[in-house]
C-alpha atoms as a PDB file:
ATOM      1  CA  MET A   1     -17.691  50.581  27.403  1.00  0.00           C
ATOM      2  CA  LYS A   2     -21.087  49.263  28.424  1.00  0.00           C
ATOM      3  CA  ASP A   3     -20.137  45.593  27.955  1.00  0.00           C
ATOM      4  CA  VAL A   4     -18.321  43.884  30.810  1.00  0.00           C
ATOM      5  CA  TRP A   5     -14.934  42.985  29.396  1.00  0.00           C
ATOM      6  CA  THR A   6     -14.547  39.813  31.478  1.00  0.00           C
ATOM      7  CA  LEU A   7     -17.578  38.392  29.659  1.00  0.00           C
ATOM      8  CA  LYS A   8     -17.080  40.040  26.277  1.00  0.00           C
ATOM      9  CA  TYR A   9     -13.538  38.716  25.922  1.00  0.00           C
ATOM     10  CA  ARG A  10     -13.908  35.378  27.669  1.00  0.00           C
ATOM     11  CA  PRO A  11     -12.104  32.753  25.497  1.00  0.00           C
ATOM     12  CA  ASP A  12     -14.413  30.451  23.538  1.00  0.00           C
ATOM     13  CA  THR A  13     -11.848  27.731  22.864  1.00  0.00           C
ATOM     14  CA  LEU A  14      -9.235  25.876  24.874  1.00  0.00           C
ATOM     15  CA  ASP A  15      -6.522  27.273  22.567  1.00  0.00           C
ATOM     16  CA  ASP A  16      -7.430  30.847  23.541  1.00  0.00           C
ATOM     17  CA  ILE A  17      -7.022  30.348  27.291  1.00  0.00           C
ATOM     18  CA  LEU A  18      -3.983  32.227  28.622  1.00  0.00           C
ATOM     19  CA  GLU A  19      -1.089  29.976  29.665  1.00  0.00           C
ATOM     20  CA  ASN A  20      -1.955  26.716  31.515  1.00  0.00           C
ATOM     21  CA  ARG A  21      -0.830  24.944  28.318  1.00  0.00           C
ATOM     22  CA  GLN A  22      -0.272  21.546  29.888  1.00  0.00           C
ATOM     23  CA  THR A  23      -3.816  21.503  31.298  1.00  0.00           C
ATOM     24  CA  THR A  24      -5.561  22.685  28.123  1.00  0.00           C
ATOM     25  CA  GLU A  25      -3.568  20.243  25.994  1.00  0.00           C
ATOM     26  CA  THR A  26      -4.612  17.417  28.317  1.00  0.00           C
ATOM     27  CA  LEU A  27      -8.256  18.438  27.896  1.00  0.00           C
ATOM     28  CA  GLN A  28      -7.881  18.458  24.131  1.00  0.00           C
ATOM     29  CA  LYS A  29      -6.437  14.947  24.201  1.00  0.00           C
ATOM     30  CA  LEU A  30      -9.236  13.714  26.463  1.00  0.00           C
ATOM     31  CA  THR A  31     -11.937  15.078  24.187  1.00  0.00           C
ATOM     32  CA  ALA A  32     -10.191  13.655  21.113  1.00  0.00           C
ATOM     33  CA  SER A  33     -10.149  10.223  22.727  1.00  0.00           C
ATOM     34  CA  GLY A  34     -13.957  10.155  22.797  1.00  0.00           C
ATOM     35  CA  SER A  35     -14.000   8.990  26.413  1.00  0.00           C
ATOM     36  CA  LEU A  36     -14.121  11.898  28.824  1.00  0.00           C
ATOM     37  CA  PRO A  37     -13.708  11.043  32.531  1.00  0.00           C
ATOM     38  CA  HIS A  38     -14.989  13.033  35.480  1.00  0.00           C
ATOM     39  CA  LEU A  39     -12.757  16.066  35.928  1.00  0.00           C
ATOM     40  CA  ILE A  40     -11.541  18.025  38.955  1.00  0.00           C
ATOM     41  CA  PHE A  41     -10.212  21.504  38.257  1.00  0.00           C
ATOM     42  CA  ILE A  42      -7.980  22.949  40.974  1.00  0.00           C
ATOM     43  CA  GLY A  43      -6.679  26.492  41.025  1.00  0.00           C
ATOM     44  CA  PRO A  44      -7.134  29.994  42.426  1.00  0.00           C
ATOM     45  CA  LYS A  45     -10.018  32.311  41.592  1.00  0.00           C
ATOM     46  CA  ASN A  46     -10.156  33.455  37.930  1.00  0.00           C
ATOM     47  CA  ALA A  47      -7.356  31.114  36.855  1.00  0.00           C
ATOM     48  CA  GLY A  48      -9.478  29.860  33.933  1.00  0.00           C
ATOM     49  CA  LYS A  49     -11.261  26.869  35.461  1.00  0.00           C
ATOM     50  CA  MET A  50     -14.795  27.827  34.429  1.00  0.00           C
ATOM     51  CA  THR A  51     -13.595  29.234  31.122  1.00  0.00           C
ATOM     52  CA  ALA A  52     -12.003  25.847  30.395  1.00  0.00           C
ATOM     53  CA  ALA A  53     -15.199  24.026  31.391  1.00  0.00           C
ATOM     54  CA  LEU A  54     -17.312  26.154  29.048  1.00  0.00           C
ATOM     55  CA  ALA A  55     -14.785  25.869  26.209  1.00  0.00           C
ATOM     56  CA  LEU A  56     -14.721  22.090  26.722  1.00  0.00           C
ATOM     57  CA  SER A  57     -18.513  21.972  26.473  1.00  0.00           C
ATOM     58  CA  LYS A  58     -18.501  23.966  23.218  1.00  0.00           C
ATOM     59  CA  ARG A  59     -15.792  21.704  21.833  1.00  0.00           C
ATOM     60  CA  LEU A  60     -17.858  18.607  22.638  1.00  0.00           C
ATOM     61  CA  TYR A  61     -21.389  19.783  21.834  1.00  0.00           C
ATOM     62  CA  GLY A  62     -21.089  22.775  19.513  1.00  0.00           C
ATOM     63  CA  ASP A  63     -24.433  24.582  19.165  1.00  0.00           C
ATOM     64  CA  GLU A  64     -26.079  22.138  21.596  1.00  0.00           C
ATOM     65  CA  SER A  65     -23.731  23.066  24.430  1.00  0.00           C
ATOM     66  CA  GLU A  66     -26.459  24.743  26.488  1.00  0.00           C
ATOM     67  CA  LEU A  67     -28.593  21.608  26.301  1.00  0.00           C
ATOM     68  CA  ASN A  68     -25.872  19.340  27.643  1.00  0.00           C
ATOM     69  CA  PHE A  69     -24.007  21.557  30.091  1.00  0.00           C
ATOM     70  CA  THR A  70     -25.417  22.461  33.525  1.00  0.00           C
ATOM     71  CA  TYR A  71     -23.716  24.794  35.996  1.00  0.00           C
ATOM     72  CA  PHE A  72     -24.159  25.048  39.769  1.00  0.00           C
ATOM     73  CA  ASN A  73     -22.218  27.016  42.355  1.00  0.00           C
ATOM     74  CA  ALA A  74     -21.740  25.119  45.610  1.00  0.00           C
ATOM     75  CA  SER A  75     -21.106  28.267  47.659  1.00  0.00           C
ATOM     76  CA  ASP A  76     -24.524  29.602  46.610  1.00  0.00           C
ATOM     77  CA  PHE A  77     -26.109  26.397  47.913  1.00  0.00           C
ATOM     78  CA  PHE A  78     -24.270  26.037  51.175  1.00  0.00           C
ATOM     79  CA  GLU A  79     -23.312  29.596  52.130  1.00  0.00           C
ATOM     80  CA  GLN A  80     -26.388  31.550  50.975  1.00  0.00           C
ATOM     81  CA  GLY A  81     -28.754  28.588  51.439  1.00  0.00           C
ATOM     82  CA  LYS A  82     -32.499  28.827  50.991  1.00  0.00           C
ATOM     83  CA  ASN A  83     -32.464  32.569  50.322  1.00  0.00           C
ATOM     84  CA  TYR A  84     -30.445  31.838  47.185  1.00  0.00           C
ATOM     85  CA  LEU A  85     -32.377  28.758  46.137  1.00  0.00           C
ATOM     86  CA  VAL A  86     -35.725  30.575  45.921  1.00  0.00           C
ATOM     87  CA  ARG A  87     -34.185  33.190  43.604  1.00  0.00           C
ATOM     88  CA  ASP A  88     -33.092  30.629  41.036  1.00  0.00           C
ATOM     89  CA  PRO A  89     -36.050  29.750  38.741  1.00  0.00           C
ATOM     90  CA  ARG A  90     -34.527  26.335  37.991  1.00  0.00           C
ATOM     91  CA  PHE A  91     -35.398  25.154  41.502  1.00  0.00           C
ATOM     92  CA  TYR A  92     -38.974  26.368  41.759  1.00  0.00           C
ATOM     93  CA  ARG A  93     -40.525  23.092  40.617  1.00  0.00           C
ATOM     94  CA  ILE A  94     -38.454  21.155  43.151  1.00  0.00           C
ATOM     95  CA  LEU A  95     -39.085  23.581  46.016  1.00  0.00           C
ATOM     96  CA  GLY A  96     -42.719  24.388  45.176  1.00  0.00           C
ATOM     97  CA  THR A  97     -42.408  27.873  46.656  1.00  0.00           C
ATOM     98  CA  ASP A  98     -40.467  31.114  46.378  1.00  0.00           C
ATOM     99  CA  ASP A  99     -40.696  31.768  50.127  1.00  0.00           C
ATOM    100  CA  PRO A 100     -37.611  30.445  51.999  1.00  0.00           C
ATOM    101  CA  LYS A 101     -39.611  30.227  55.226  1.00  0.00           C
ATOM    102  CA  LYS A 102     -41.933  27.645  53.643  1.00  0.00           C
ATOM    103  CA  ILE A 103     -39.159  25.272  52.627  1.00  0.00           C
ATOM    104  CA  GLN A 104     -39.264  22.272  54.929  1.00  0.00           C
ATOM    105  CA  LYS A 105     -36.306  20.352  53.509  1.00  0.00           C
ATOM    106  CA  SER A 106     -32.708  20.958  54.540  1.00  0.00           C
ATOM    107  CA  VAL A 107     -30.259  22.514  52.078  1.00  0.00           C
ATOM    108  CA  ILE A 108     -28.344  19.220  51.777  1.00  0.00           C
ATOM    109  CA  SER A 109     -31.590  17.374  50.910  1.00  0.00           C
ATOM    110  CA  ILE A 110     -32.399  19.947  48.239  1.00  0.00           C
ATOM    111  CA  PHE A 111     -28.873  19.651  46.875  1.00  0.00           C
ATOM    112  CA  LYS A 112     -29.248  15.868  46.533  1.00  0.00           C
ATOM    113  CA  ASP A 113     -32.637  16.224  44.835  1.00  0.00           C
ATOM    114  CA  VAL A 114     -31.368  18.856  42.367  1.00  0.00           C
ATOM    115  CA  ILE A 115     -28.210  16.995  41.365  1.00  0.00           C
ATOM    116  CA  ASN A 116     -30.081  13.686  41.115  1.00  0.00           C
ATOM    117  CA  GLU A 117     -32.739  15.223  38.891  1.00  0.00           C
ATOM    118  CA  TYR A 118     -30.314  16.947  36.535  1.00  0.00           C
ATOM    119  CA  ALA A 119     -28.011  13.922  36.343  1.00  0.00           C
ATOM    120  CA  ALA A 120     -30.970  11.726  35.372  1.00  0.00           C
ATOM    121  CA  ILE A 121     -31.906  13.888  32.369  1.00  0.00           C
ATOM    122  CA  ALA A 122     -30.777  12.201  29.175  1.00  0.00           C
ATOM    123  CA  PRO A 123     -28.150  13.962  27.034  1.00  0.00           C
ATOM    124  CA  MET A 124     -29.275  15.555  23.768  1.00  0.00           C
ATOM    125  CA  ASN A 125     -27.625  14.051  20.679  1.00  0.00           C
ATOM    126  CA  ALA A 126     -24.590  13.068  22.730  1.00  0.00           C
ATOM    127  CA  ASP A 127     -23.266  10.090  24.677  1.00  0.00           C
ATOM    128  CA  PHE A 128     -23.169  12.016  27.934  1.00  0.00           C
ATOM    129  CA  LYS A 129     -23.930  15.423  29.435  1.00  0.00           C
ATOM    130  CA  ILE A 130     -21.813  17.538  31.817  1.00  0.00           C
ATOM    131  CA  ILE A 131     -22.722  18.893  35.240  1.00  0.00           C
ATOM    132  CA  CYS A 132     -20.219  21.478  36.462  1.00  0.00           C
ATOM    133  CA  ILE A 133     -20.094  22.309  40.172  1.00  0.00           C
ATOM    134  CA  ASP A 134     -18.088  25.457  40.866  1.00  0.00           C
ATOM    135  CA  SER A 135     -16.622  26.382  44.293  1.00  0.00           C
ATOM    136  CA  ALA A 136     -16.726  22.689  45.205  1.00  0.00           C
ATOM    137  CA  GLU A 137     -14.731  23.433  48.372  1.00  0.00           C
ATOM    138  CA  ALA A 138     -18.009  24.755  49.842  1.00  0.00           C
ATOM    139  CA  LEU A 139     -19.599  21.285  49.641  1.00  0.00           C
ATOM    140  CA  THR A 140     -20.088  19.735  53.044  1.00  0.00           C
ATOM    141  CA  MET A 141     -18.749  16.253  53.781  1.00  0.00           C
ATOM    142  CA  GLU A 142     -22.264  14.837  53.520  1.00  0.00           C
ATOM    143  CA  ALA A 143     -22.810  16.589  50.185  1.00  0.00           C
ATOM    144  CA  GLN A 144     -19.567  15.199  48.797  1.00  0.00           C
ATOM    145  CA  GLN A 145     -20.468  11.683  49.901  1.00  0.00           C
ATOM    146  CA  ALA A 146     -23.866  12.036  48.240  1.00  0.00           C
ATOM    147  CA  LEU A 147     -22.241  13.404  45.098  1.00  0.00           C
ATOM    148  CA  ARG A 148     -19.914  10.404  44.962  1.00  0.00           C
ATOM    149  CA  ARG A 149     -22.893   8.056  44.874  1.00  0.00           C
ATOM    150  CA  ILE A 150     -24.640  10.110  42.196  1.00  0.00           C
ATOM    151  CA  MET A 151     -21.492  10.092  40.053  1.00  0.00           C
ATOM    152  CA  GLU A 152     -21.420   6.296  40.259  1.00  0.00           C
ATOM    153  CA  LYS A 153     -25.137   5.918  39.532  1.00  0.00           C
ATOM    154  CA  TYR A 154     -25.147   8.034  36.351  1.00  0.00           C
ATOM    155  CA  SER A 155     -21.599   7.393  35.137  1.00  0.00           C
ATOM    156  CA  LYS A 156     -22.763   6.156  31.700  1.00  0.00           C
ATOM    157  CA  THR A 157     -24.708   9.284  30.726  1.00  0.00           C
ATOM    158  CA  CYS A 158     -23.302  12.087  32.893  1.00  0.00           C
ATOM    159  CA  ARG A 159     -19.854  13.524  33.555  1.00  0.00           C
ATOM    160  CA  PHE A 160     -19.055  15.845  36.417  1.00  0.00           C
ATOM    161  CA  ILE A 161     -16.576  18.714  36.521  1.00  0.00           C
ATOM    162  CA  LEU A 162     -15.736  19.879  40.035  1.00  0.00           C
ATOM    163  CA  SER A 163     -14.007  23.245  40.249  1.00  0.00           C
ATOM    164  CA  SER A 164     -12.245  24.164  43.493  1.00  0.00           C
ATOM    165  CA  SER A 165      -9.565  26.455  44.884  1.00  0.00           C
ATOM    166  CA  SER A 166      -8.159  23.701  47.109  1.00  0.00           C
ATOM    167  CA  VAL A 167      -7.523  20.042  46.316  1.00  0.00           C
ATOM    168  CA  SER A 168      -7.390  19.161  50.028  1.00  0.00           C
ATOM    169  CA  LYS A 169     -11.025  20.175  50.448  1.00  0.00           C
ATOM    170  CA  ILE A 170     -12.213  17.506  48.020  1.00  0.00           C
ATOM    171  CA  ILE A 171     -12.529  14.133  49.730  1.00  0.00           C
ATOM    172  CA  PRO A 172     -10.278  11.312  48.396  1.00  0.00           C
ATOM    173  CA  PRO A 173     -13.249   9.162  47.173  1.00  0.00           C
ATOM    174  CA  LEU A 174     -14.307  12.020  44.878  1.00  0.00           C
ATOM    175  CA  ARG A 175     -10.771  12.743  43.703  1.00  0.00           C
ATOM    176  CA  SER A 176     -10.237   9.072  42.874  1.00  0.00           C
ATOM    177  CA  ARG A 177     -13.212   9.114  40.486  1.00  0.00           C
ATOM    178  CA  GLY A 178     -11.856  11.776  38.220  1.00  0.00           C
ATOM    179  CA  VAL A 179      -8.778  13.248  36.593  1.00  0.00           C
ATOM    180  CA  THR A 180      -7.367  16.187  38.555  1.00  0.00           C
ATOM    181  CA  LEU A 181      -6.055  19.106  36.508  1.00  0.00           C
ATOM    182  CA  PHE A 182      -4.350  22.178  37.920  1.00  0.00           C
ATOM    183  CA  PHE A 183      -4.666  25.826  36.871  1.00  0.00           C
ATOM    184  CA  SER A 184      -2.404  28.679  37.875  1.00  0.00           C
ATOM    185  CA  GLN A 185      -2.661  32.444  37.679  1.00  0.00           C
ATOM    186  CA  VAL A 186      -1.288  34.136  34.579  1.00  0.00           C
ATOM    187  CA  SER A 187       2.183  35.683  34.493  1.00  0.00           C
ATOM    188  CA  PRO A 188       2.599  39.408  33.757  1.00  0.00           C
ATOM    189  CA  ASP A 189       4.376  38.511  30.494  1.00  0.00           C
ATOM    190  CA  ALA A 190       1.113  36.984  29.228  1.00  0.00           C
ATOM    191  CA  LEU A 191      -1.388  39.222  31.053  1.00  0.00           C
ATOM    192  CA  VAL A 192       0.034  42.610  30.015  1.00  0.00           C
ATOM    193  CA  PRO A 193      -0.144  41.942  26.219  1.00  0.00           C
ATOM    194  CA  TYR A 194      -3.632  40.503  26.705  1.00  0.00           C
ATOM    195  CA  MET A 195      -4.848  43.658  28.467  1.00  0.00           C
ATOM    196  CA  ARG A 196      -3.152  45.870  25.869  1.00  0.00           C
ATOM    197  CA  GLU A 197      -4.867  44.033  23.015  1.00  0.00           C
ATOM    198  CA  ILE A 198      -8.289  44.401  24.633  1.00  0.00           C
ATOM    199  CA  ALA A 199      -7.735  48.078  25.438  1.00  0.00           C
ATOM    200  CA  GLU A 200      -6.764  48.743  21.818  1.00  0.00           C
ATOM    201  CA  LYS A 201      -9.864  46.906  20.550  1.00  0.00           C
ATOM    202  CA  GLU A 202     -11.931  49.221  22.760  1.00  0.00           C
ATOM    203  CA  GLY A 203     -10.144  52.293  21.395  1.00  0.00           C
ATOM    204  CA  PHE A 204      -7.767  53.019  24.273  1.00  0.00           C
ATOM    205  CA  SER A 205      -4.003  53.438  24.464  1.00  0.00           C
ATOM    206  CA  VAL A 206      -2.532  52.515  27.860  1.00  0.00           C
ATOM    207  CA  GLU A 207       1.048  52.957  28.978  1.00  0.00           C
ATOM    208  CA  GLU A 208       2.996  49.738  29.582  1.00  0.00           C
ATOM    209  CA  GLU A 209       3.851  50.591  33.185  1.00  0.00           C
ATOM    210  CA  VAL A 210       0.138  51.054  33.968  1.00  0.00           C
ATOM    211  CA  LEU A 211      -0.631  47.570  32.695  1.00  0.00           C
ATOM    212  CA  PHE A 212       2.231  46.066  34.701  1.00  0.00           C
ATOM    213  CA  GLU A 213       0.939  47.871  37.795  1.00  0.00           C
ATOM    214  CA  ILE A 214      -2.479  46.276  37.301  1.00  0.00           C
ATOM    215  CA  ALA A 215      -0.872  42.871  36.779  1.00  0.00           C
ATOM    216  CA  TYR A 216       1.127  43.335  39.987  1.00  0.00           C
ATOM    217  CA  HIS A 217      -1.860  44.252  42.145  1.00  0.00           C
ATOM    218  CA  THR A 218      -4.160  41.580  40.709  1.00  0.00           C
ATOM    219  CA  LYS A 219      -1.495  38.862  41.061  1.00  0.00           C
ATOM    220  CA  GLY A 220      -2.227  37.254  37.702  1.00  0.00           C
ATOM    221  CA  ASN A 221      -5.993  37.140  38.211  1.00  0.00           C
ATOM    222  CA  VAL A 222      -7.286  37.745  34.682  1.00  0.00           C
ATOM    223  CA  GLY A 223     -10.822  38.632  35.734  1.00  0.00           C
ATOM    224  CA  ASP A 224      -9.704  41.129  38.342  1.00  0.00           C
ATOM    225  CA  ALA A 225      -7.159  42.642  35.948  1.00  0.00           C
ATOM    226  CA  LEU A 226      -9.735  43.253  33.210  1.00  0.00           C
ATOM    227  CA  GLU A 227     -12.267  44.597  35.677  1.00  0.00           C
ATOM    228  CA  THR A 228      -9.683  46.958  37.131  1.00  0.00           C
ATOM    229  CA  LEU A 229      -8.561  48.126  33.702  1.00  0.00           C
ATOM    230  CA  GLN A 230     -12.096  48.780  32.474  1.00  0.00           C
ATOM    231  CA  THR A 231     -13.139  50.612  35.636  1.00  0.00           C
ATOM    232  CA  ALA A 232      -9.970  52.734  35.731  1.00  0.00           C
ATOM    233  CA  LEU A 233     -10.306  53.720  32.070  1.00  0.00           C
ATOM    234  CA  ILE A 234     -13.921  54.746  32.608  1.00  0.00           C
ATOM    235  CA  ASP A 235     -12.913  56.880  35.609  1.00  0.00           C
ATOM    236  CA  ALA A 236     -10.020  58.477  33.675  1.00  0.00           C
ATOM    237  CA  GLN A 237     -12.246  59.149  30.674  1.00  0.00           C
ATOM    238  CA  GLU A 238     -14.816  60.927  32.851  1.00  0.00           C
ATOM    239  CA  ILE A 239     -12.233  63.424  34.087  1.00  0.00           C
ATOM    240  CA  GLY A 240     -10.548  63.727  30.692  1.00  0.00           C
ATOM    241  CA  ALA A 241      -7.196  62.405  31.877  1.00  0.00           C
ATOM    242  CA  ALA A 242      -4.789  59.703  30.798  1.00  0.00           C
ATOM    243  CA  LEU A 243      -4.646  56.629  33.012  1.00  0.00           C
ATOM    244  CA  THR A 244      -1.581  56.667  35.262  1.00  0.00           C
ATOM    245  CA  VAL A 245       0.202  54.334  37.647  1.00  0.00           C
ATOM    246  CA  SER A 246      -0.739  56.542  40.612  1.00  0.00           C
ATOM    247  CA  MET A 247      -4.433  56.230  39.727  1.00  0.00           C
ATOM    248  CA  ILE A 248      -4.146  52.447  39.833  1.00  0.00           C
ATOM    249  CA  GLN A 249      -2.297  52.552  43.157  1.00  0.00           C
ATOM    250  CA  THR A 250      -4.937  54.852  44.619  1.00  0.00           C
ATOM    251  CA  GLN A 251      -7.752  52.612  43.406  1.00  0.00           C
ATOM    252  CA  PHE A 252      -6.307  49.542  45.120  1.00  0.00           C
ATOM    253  CA  ARG A 253      -5.473  51.416  48.290  1.00  0.00           C
ATOM    254  CA  LEU A 254      -9.047  52.719  48.545  1.00  0.00           C
ATOM    255  CA  GLU A 255     -10.473  49.238  47.925  1.00  0.00           C
ATOM    256  CA  GLU A 256      -8.391  47.744  50.703  1.00  0.00           C
ATOM    257  CA  GLU A 257      -9.252  50.544  53.113  1.00  0.00           C
ATOM    258  CA  SER A 258     -12.987  50.506  52.353  1.00  0.00           C
ATOM    259  CA  GLY A 259     -13.608  46.790  52.653  1.00  0.00           C
ATOM    260  CA  ILE A 260     -11.219  44.875  54.889  1.00  0.00           C
ATOM    261  CA  LYS A 261     -10.473  47.972  56.999  1.00  0.00           C
ATOM    262  CA  GLU A 262     -14.171  48.220  57.887  1.00  0.00           C
ATOM    263  CA  LEU A 263     -14.156  44.549  58.880  1.00  0.00           C
ATOM    264  CA  TYR A 264     -11.053  45.064  60.997  1.00  0.00           C
ATOM    265  CA  ASP A 265     -12.474  48.157  62.729  1.00  0.00           C
ATOM    266  CA  ALA A 266     -15.733  46.381  63.545  1.00  0.00           C
ATOM    267  CA  ALA A 267     -13.923  43.398  65.041  1.00  0.00           C
ATOM    268  CA  ALA A 268     -10.915  45.052  66.690  1.00  0.00           C
ATOM    269  CA  HIS A 269     -12.156  48.498  67.692  1.00  0.00           C
ATOM    270  CA  ASP A 270     -15.948  48.415  67.926  1.00  0.00           C
ATOM    271  CA  LYS A 271     -16.160  44.809  69.195  1.00  0.00           C
ATOM    272  CA  ASN A 272     -19.359  44.528  67.177  1.00  0.00           C
ATOM    273  CA  PHE A 273     -19.554  40.926  66.011  1.00  0.00           C
ATOM    274  CA  MET A 274     -22.805  41.277  64.023  1.00  0.00           C
ATOM    275  CA  GLU A 275     -21.481  44.264  62.088  1.00  0.00           C
ATOM    276  CA  ALA A 276     -18.176  42.458  61.491  1.00  0.00           C
ATOM    277  CA  ARG A 277     -19.991  39.369  60.244  1.00  0.00           C
ATOM    278  CA  ASN A 278     -22.027  41.490  57.817  1.00  0.00           C
ATOM    279  CA  LYS A 279     -18.788  43.030  56.518  1.00  0.00           C
ATOM    280  CA  LEU A 280     -17.339  39.532  56.194  1.00  0.00           C
ATOM    281  CA  ASP A 281     -20.352  38.389  54.145  1.00  0.00           C
ATOM    282  CA  THR A 282     -19.878  41.341  51.790  1.00  0.00           C
ATOM    283  CA  LEU A 283     -16.207  40.502  51.262  1.00  0.00           C
ATOM    284  CA  LEU A 284     -16.793  36.781  50.740  1.00  0.00           C
ATOM    285  CA  ILE A 285     -20.017  36.837  48.708  1.00  0.00           C
ATOM    286  CA  ASP A 286     -20.301  40.225  46.991  1.00  0.00           C
ATOM    287  CA  ASP A 287     -16.593  40.959  46.470  1.00  0.00           C
ATOM    288  CA  GLY A 288     -15.605  37.349  46.004  1.00  0.00           C
ATOM    289  CA  LEU A 289     -12.458  37.525  48.160  1.00  0.00           C
ATOM    290  CA  THR A 290     -10.883  34.347  49.452  1.00  0.00           C
ATOM    291  CA  GLY A 291     -10.172  33.747  53.137  1.00  0.00           C
ATOM    292  CA  SER A 292      -6.450  34.148  52.515  1.00  0.00           C
ATOM    293  CA  GLU A 293      -6.972  37.520  50.809  1.00  0.00           C
ATOM    294  CA  ILE A 294      -9.052  38.748  53.737  1.00  0.00           C
ATOM    295  CA  LEU A 295      -6.428  37.621  56.241  1.00  0.00           C
ATOM    296  CA  GLU A 296      -3.713  39.358  54.207  1.00  0.00           C
ATOM    297  CA  GLY A 297      -5.738  42.582  54.363  1.00  0.00           C
ATOM    298  CA  MET A 298      -6.323  42.123  58.104  1.00  0.00           C
ATOM    299  CA  LYS A 299      -2.597  41.737  58.607  1.00  0.00           C
ATOM    300  CA  LYS A 300      -1.955  45.021  56.785  1.00  0.00           C
ATOM    301  CA  ALA A 301      -4.633  46.711  58.914  1.00  0.00           C
ATOM    302  CA  VAL A 302      -2.973  45.474  62.116  1.00  0.00           C
ATOM    303  CA  ILE A 303       0.406  46.805  61.011  1.00  0.00           C
ATOM    304  CA  ALA A 304      -1.090  50.172  60.050  1.00  0.00           C
ATOM    305  CA  ASP A 305      -2.938  50.298  63.383  1.00  0.00           C
ATOM    306  CA  GLU A 306       0.257  49.526  65.316  1.00  0.00           C
ATOM    307  CA  LYS A 307       2.076  52.407  63.609  1.00  0.00           C
ATOM    308  CA  LYS A 308      -0.594  54.799  64.864  1.00  0.00           C
ATOM    309  CA  SER A 309      -0.982  53.420  68.401  1.00  0.00           C
ATOM    310  CA  GLY A 310       2.550  52.230  69.050  1.00  0.00           C
ATOM    311  CA  ASP A 311       1.164  49.183  70.872  1.00  0.00           C
ATOM    312  CA  GLU A 312       3.536  46.513  69.579  1.00  0.00           C
ATOM    313  CA  VAL A 313       2.424  43.832  72.044  1.00  0.00           C
ATOM    314  CA  ARG A 314      -1.237  44.054  71.035  1.00  0.00           C
ATOM    315  CA  ALA A 315      -0.279  44.061  67.358  1.00  0.00           C
ATOM    316  CA  ALA A 316       1.854  40.953  67.829  1.00  0.00           C
ATOM    317  CA  LYS A 317      -0.973  39.082  69.545  1.00  0.00           C
ATOM    318  CA  ARG A 318      -3.425  40.044  66.794  1.00  0.00           C
ATOM    319  CA  LEU A 319      -0.980  38.848  64.158  1.00  0.00           C
ATOM    320  CA  ILE A 320      -0.690  35.530  65.979  1.00  0.00           C
ATOM    321  CA  GLN A 321      -4.480  35.137  65.890  1.00  0.00           C
ATOM    322  CA  ILE A 322      -4.480  35.882  62.144  1.00  0.00           C
ATOM    323  CA  ALA A 323      -1.622  33.410  61.582  1.00  0.00           C
ATOM    324  CA  GLU A 324      -3.485  30.688  63.514  1.00  0.00           C
ATOM    325  CA  CYS A 325      -6.566  31.274  61.382  1.00  0.00           C
ATOM    326  CA  ASP A 326      -4.464  31.141  58.209  1.00  0.00           C
ATOM    327  CA  SER A 327      -2.953  27.833  59.353  1.00  0.00           C
ATOM    328  CA  LYS A 328      -6.426  26.338  59.845  1.00  0.00           C
ATOM    329  CA  LEU A 329      -7.490  27.472  56.378  1.00  0.00           C
ATOM    330  CA  SER A 330      -4.423  25.772  54.873  1.00  0.00           C
ATOM    331  CA  GLN A 331      -5.579  22.557  56.547  1.00  0.00           C
ATOM    332  CA  ALA A 332      -8.871  22.623  54.611  1.00  0.00           C
ATOM    333  CA  SER A 333     -10.962  24.117  57.392  1.00  0.00           C
ATOM    334  CA  ASN A 334     -14.193  25.911  56.428  1.00  0.00           C
ATOM    335  CA  GLU A 335     -13.329  29.516  55.539  1.00  0.00           C
ATOM    336  CA  ARG A 336     -16.456  31.122  56.906  1.00  0.00           C
ATOM    337  CA  ILE A 337     -16.362  29.262  60.216  1.00  0.00           C
ATOM    338  CA  GLN A 338     -12.708  30.072  60.837  1.00  0.00           C
ATOM    339  CA  LEU A 339     -13.048  33.746  59.855  1.00  0.00           C
ATOM    340  CA  GLU A 340     -16.136  34.163  62.021  1.00  0.00           C
ATOM    341  CA  ASN A 341     -14.254  32.557  64.893  1.00  0.00           C
ATOM    342  CA  LEU A 342     -11.422  35.035  64.352  1.00  0.00           C
ATOM    343  CA  ILE A 343     -13.611  38.142  64.419  1.00  0.00           C
ATOM    344  CA  ALA A 344     -15.665  36.807  67.334  1.00  0.00           C
ATOM    345  CA  ASN A 345     -12.556  36.244  69.452  1.00  0.00           C
ATOM    346  CA  PHE A 346     -10.367  39.079  68.285  1.00  0.00           C
ATOM    347  CA  ASP A 347      -8.323  40.378  71.230  1.00  0.00           C
ATOM    348  CA  LYS A 348      -9.803  37.831  73.649  1.00  0.00           C
ATOM    349  CA  ASP A 349      -7.487  36.017  76.057  1.00  0.00           C
ATOM    350  CA  PHE A 350      -5.043  38.939  75.876  1.00  0.00           C
END
């Protein structure tokens, strides 16, 4: 039980990826053609985008995959900034320091330098190398424009894979330079047998209804489903009990209450913006929630709050604010900016 199942059982080949058959078959045809274009992977969190990118690299390069595949996370660059950059040993030579206060360049300048340098490195025993940029929706407009020029400059020896949760957040000039492939979350009919197989390999027997309950709560997110299953089985094992549906329901209820509820209370009740922003950072960065997931939790908190207070008018106005924020997110607005605006102005103008 010490190994993290999401890593231990990550598919190594395109054939092993759950569902998304049309996308994986397209990737197989592209690699067989010998001429791989730039690729743009679009889909929700843990839908298999990075798994497909890694499997594609292994298919192309075999044992030399690590030499020809480079991974960056755009949200680390542009949301955590210099504090993240100094922690990554790959950037020390470029930065020349491990103290963020001593970095004179802007994050966007560092991003350009890093991508330029890695794109310029010649591939090893291959016609081209791959640079994969995850969470590409976090790239600023300037960063995307710079990336477009780099893609053009090194098109003969470097291919880019951009992975994003939203196609509308990738500028048209970038989209036009690659093939866009879509990933979707996995259906319960595929996810439940997958979880059962892994549980059995680890020596556990889990009731079918428990697995369907996990699939329901995780909404087809394979990573979240495996993490939930592993954690729940560890907890049940510690108390010497069989894993039940009620245990899963309790686990998800506590998670919602502990995270998003704290954010809601800080914004709506305490009117403490700094505390609310810290809670927001935890949800976005540490817990990996999307803006839509946070807004969905905020909506539930408002409804629960209204049942206690009986103030229907205030609840309605708060729901309108949440709906307006959700509308802006659907229009490709920056998640962090819009969520911070929501918590900063919660209940204002009432």
